[in-house]
Every structure is written in structure tokens, then in C-alpha cells.
């Protein structure tokens, strides 16, 4: 390994075993020899995944996030279509209920309202969970990217 004296600029050839130790230059300057790359590598370096595996995992995760977002929009469109069809069906039911006594009319109307509200509430909860999962995964990816930049 080669190091250069910061005082006089002299190049010194040192063995790899000198890594992490202090040496004295002929000009009298004491220099700290940097550790070698082998000495600086973590003990679990052979266990860590390869860059190809990390890149493939990242690409799969980003693809899943995009697909998740698209499917969320498709489900939202289907939910709105279903709500529209439910309202159309209820309109015809309300016309039939007009011919019934008042108690049956209000019971039928309240049943339709509760069914419609339940449909919308379950759909809303499902969409919130759907989009939140994509946002959570995106946050995980962002944290991983920031951690990689810090190292």
C-alpha cells in the first residue's frame, strides 16, 4: 500500500499489515496508515445480498406499488358504477313502495338507505386501505434509498 506524507509529500510503500498503525516519515512527521479494504469490510460481507438481488427486489416492489395504485383506481371506478346502479335499482323500488302503506314504505326506504350507506362505507374503507398500503410501501422504499445514500 502506498501513502503520501502530508508534510513533505514523500511517497512511502508499506505492507498491508501496517494498516491502522502509525508510522514516522523521514522528515519527522507521524502519519496514521489507513486500514486496508480487507480490514475495513464488515464481518458479514459474504452474507449480504448481491447488488443484482437488491435491484431486482427494488424493481419488483416499485412495480407492485404501480400496479396497486392502478388497481385502486379501477376499483374506485367500479365502486362508483355499482353505487350508480344501486341508486337506479332503488329508484324503481321506491316507485313500487309508493303503492304500499306508509309503515312499509318507510321500512323499505330505510332498508335501501342502510344498504346503500353500507355499500359506500365498505368501499370507502377498502379504498383507503388499498391506497395506504401503496403509500406505506413507497415510504419503505424511500427510507431504504435514504439509508443507502447515508452509507
Protein backbone atom coordinates (compact mmCIF):
# COMPACT_ATOMS: atom_id res chain seq x y z
CA UNK A 1 0.00 0.00 0.00
CA UNK A 2 1.24 3.49 -0.74
CA UNK A 3 0.71 6.60 1.37
CA UNK A 4 1.97 10.14 0.94
CA UNK A 5 3.38 12.26 3.73
CA UNK A 6 1.22 15.32 4.30
CA UNK A 7 4.24 17.35 5.37
CA UNK A 8 6.94 16.70 2.75
CA UNK A 9 4.93 14.83 0.06
CA UNK A 10 7.19 11.76 0.09
CA UNK A 11 5.58 8.51 -1.14
CA UNK A 12 6.06 5.52 1.15
CA UNK A 13 5.44 1.87 0.25
CA UNK A 14 4.12 -0.02 3.27
CA UNK A 15 2.95 -3.61 3.72
CA UNK A 16 -0.77 -4.28 4.16
CA UNK A 17 -0.12 -5.30 7.76
CA UNK A 18 0.72 -1.65 8.58
CA UNK A 19 -2.93 -0.69 8.10
CA UNK A 20 -4.38 1.15 11.10
CA UNK A 21 -0.93 1.84 12.65
CA UNK A 22 1.16 4.98 12.94
CA UNK A 23 4.45 5.39 11.04
CA UNK A 24 7.10 8.10 11.07
CA UNK A 25 8.28 9.73 7.86
CA UNK A 26 11.97 10.58 7.35
CA UNK A 27 11.02 14.27 7.78
CA UNK A 28 9.79 13.51 11.32
CA UNK A 29 6.04 13.71 10.62
CA UNK A 30 3.92 10.95 12.22
CA UNK A 31 1.30 9.53 9.85
CA UNK A 32 -1.65 7.29 10.52
CA UNK A 33 -1.83 4.49 7.93
CA UNK A 34 -5.42 3.87 6.72
CA UNK A 35 -6.81 0.41 7.16
CA UNK A 36 -6.81 -1.79 4.09
CA UNK A 37 -10.03 -2.52 2.23
CA UNK A 38 -9.99 -6.11 3.52
CA UNK A 39 -9.65 -4.93 7.12
CA UNK A 40 -12.44 -2.37 6.69
CA UNK A 41 -15.00 -4.79 5.25
CA UNK A 42 -17.71 -5.92 7.71
CA UNK A 43 -17.51 -9.48 9.04
CA UNK A 44 -20.83 -10.41 7.41
CA UNK A 45 -19.87 -9.10 3.96
CA UNK A 46 -20.17 -12.54 2.34
CA UNK A 47 -23.76 -12.93 3.59
CA UNK A 48 -25.19 -9.69 2.22
CA UNK A 49 -27.28 -9.88 -0.96
CA UNK A 50 -25.73 -9.04 -4.28
CA UNK A 51 -26.48 -5.76 -5.99
CA UNK A 52 -28.44 -7.65 -8.64
CA UNK A 53 -30.73 -9.16 -5.99
CA UNK A 54 -31.25 -5.79 -4.33
CA UNK A 55 -32.02 -4.13 -7.68
CA UNK A 56 -34.47 -6.89 -8.66
CA UNK A 57 -36.25 -6.63 -5.29
CA UNK A 58 -36.48 -2.85 -5.67
CA UNK A 59 -37.89 -3.13 -9.19
CA UNK A 60 -40.47 -5.71 -8.11
CA UNK A 61 -41.52 -3.53 -5.20
CA UNK A 62 -41.88 -0.44 -7.38
CA UNK A 63 -43.85 -2.47 -9.96
CA UNK A 64 -46.15 -3.75 -7.22
CA UNK A 65 -46.72 -0.20 -5.99
CA UNK A 66 -47.66 0.97 -9.51
CA UNK A 67 -50.00 -1.99 -10.07
CA UNK A 68 -51.53 -1.47 -6.64
CA UNK A 69 -52.24 2.18 -7.43
CA UNK A 70 -53.78 1.36 -10.84
CA UNK A 71 -55.99 -1.37 -9.36
CA UNK A 72 -57.11 1.08 -6.69
CA UNK A 73 -58.35 3.47 -9.38
CA UNK A 74 -60.07 0.63 -11.23
CA UNK A 75 -61.79 -0.45 -8.01
CA UNK A 76 -62.86 3.14 -7.33
CA UNK A 77 -64.45 3.34 -10.80
CA UNK A 78 -66.24 0.03 -10.23
CA UNK A 79 -67.40 1.21 -6.81
CA UNK A 80 -68.90 4.37 -8.29
CA UNK A 81 -70.54 2.39 -11.10
CA UNK A 82 -72.02 -0.02 -8.56
CA UNK A 83 -73.32 2.86 -6.46
CA UNK A 84 -74.95 4.39 -9.54
CA UNK A 85 -76.61 1.07 -10.43
CA UNK A 86 -77.73 0.62 -6.82
CA UNK A 87 -79.37 4.05 -6.89
CA UNK A 88 -81.12 3.23 -10.18
CA UNK A 89 -82.41 -0.01 -8.69
CA UNK A 90 -83.59 1.78 -5.57
CA UNK A 91 -85.44 4.40 -7.63
CA UNK A 92 -87.59 1.69 -9.18
CA UNK A 93 -88.07 0.10 -5.74
CA UNK A 94 -89.19 3.46 -4.32
CA UNK A 95 -91.81 3.75 -7.07
CA UNK A 96 -93.17 0.31 -6.07
CA UNK A 97 -93.08 1.26 -2.38
CA UNK A 98 -95.38 4.25 -3.06
CA UNK A 99 -98.18 1.77 -3.52
CA UNK A 100 -97.58 0.27 -0.03
CA UNK A 101 -98.81 1.57 3.32
CA UNK A 102 -96.72 4.28 4.98
CA UNK A 103 -95.06 1.94 7.53
CA UNK A 104 -93.89 -0.46 4.81
CA UNK A 105 -92.79 2.47 2.66
CA UNK A 106 -90.55 3.93 5.38
CA UNK A 107 -89.22 0.50 6.36
CA UNK A 108 -88.32 -0.27 2.74
CA UNK A 109 -86.82 3.17 2.26
CA UNK A 110 -84.69 2.92 5.41
CA UNK A 111 -83.54 -0.59 4.39
CA UNK A 112 -82.44 0.73 1.00
CA UNK A 113 -80.67 3.69 2.62
CA UNK A 114 -78.80 1.49 5.11
CA UNK A 115 -77.80 -0.92 2.33
CA UNK A 116 -76.54 1.92 0.15
CA UNK A 117 -74.67 3.58 3.02
CA UNK A 118 -73.10 0.26 3.99
CA UNK A 119 -72.03 -0.34 0.40
CA UNK A 120 -70.37 3.06 0.20
CA UNK A 121 -68.76 2.76 3.66
CA UNK A 122 -67.20 -0.64 2.95
CA UNK A 123 -65.99 0.55 -0.43
CA UNK A 124 -64.50 3.69 1.10
CA UNK A 125 -62.69 1.71 3.80
CA UNK A 126 -61.36 -0.72 1.21
CA UNK A 127 -60.04 2.10 -0.98
CA UNK A 128 -58.39 3.84 1.97
CA UNK A 129 -56.63 0.60 2.94
CA UNK A 130 -55.69 -0.01 -0.69
CA UNK A 131 -54.04 3.38 -1.18
CA UNK A 132 -52.50 3.40 2.30
CA UNK A 133 -50.70 0.14 1.56
CA UNK A 134 -49.15 1.66 -1.57
CA UNK A 135 -48.13 4.78 0.36
CA UNK A 136 -46.63 2.63 3.12
CA UNK A 137 -44.58 0.64 0.60
CA UNK A 138 -43.45 3.85 -1.08
CA UNK A 139 -42.29 5.15 2.34
CA UNK A 140 -40.36 1.91 2.93
CA UNK A 141 -38.62 2.34 -0.42
CA UNK A 142 -37.81 5.98 0.35
CA UNK A 143 -36.32 5.05 3.73
CA UNK A 144 -34.24 2.33 2.10
CA UNK A 145 -32.98 4.76 -0.55
CA UNK A 146 -32.09 7.40 2.06
CA UNK A 147 -30.30 4.80 4.19
CA UNK A 148 -28.30 3.66 1.18
CA UNK A 149 -27.31 7.28 0.42
CA UNK A 150 -26.15 7.86 4.02
CA UNK A 151 -23.87 4.82 3.97
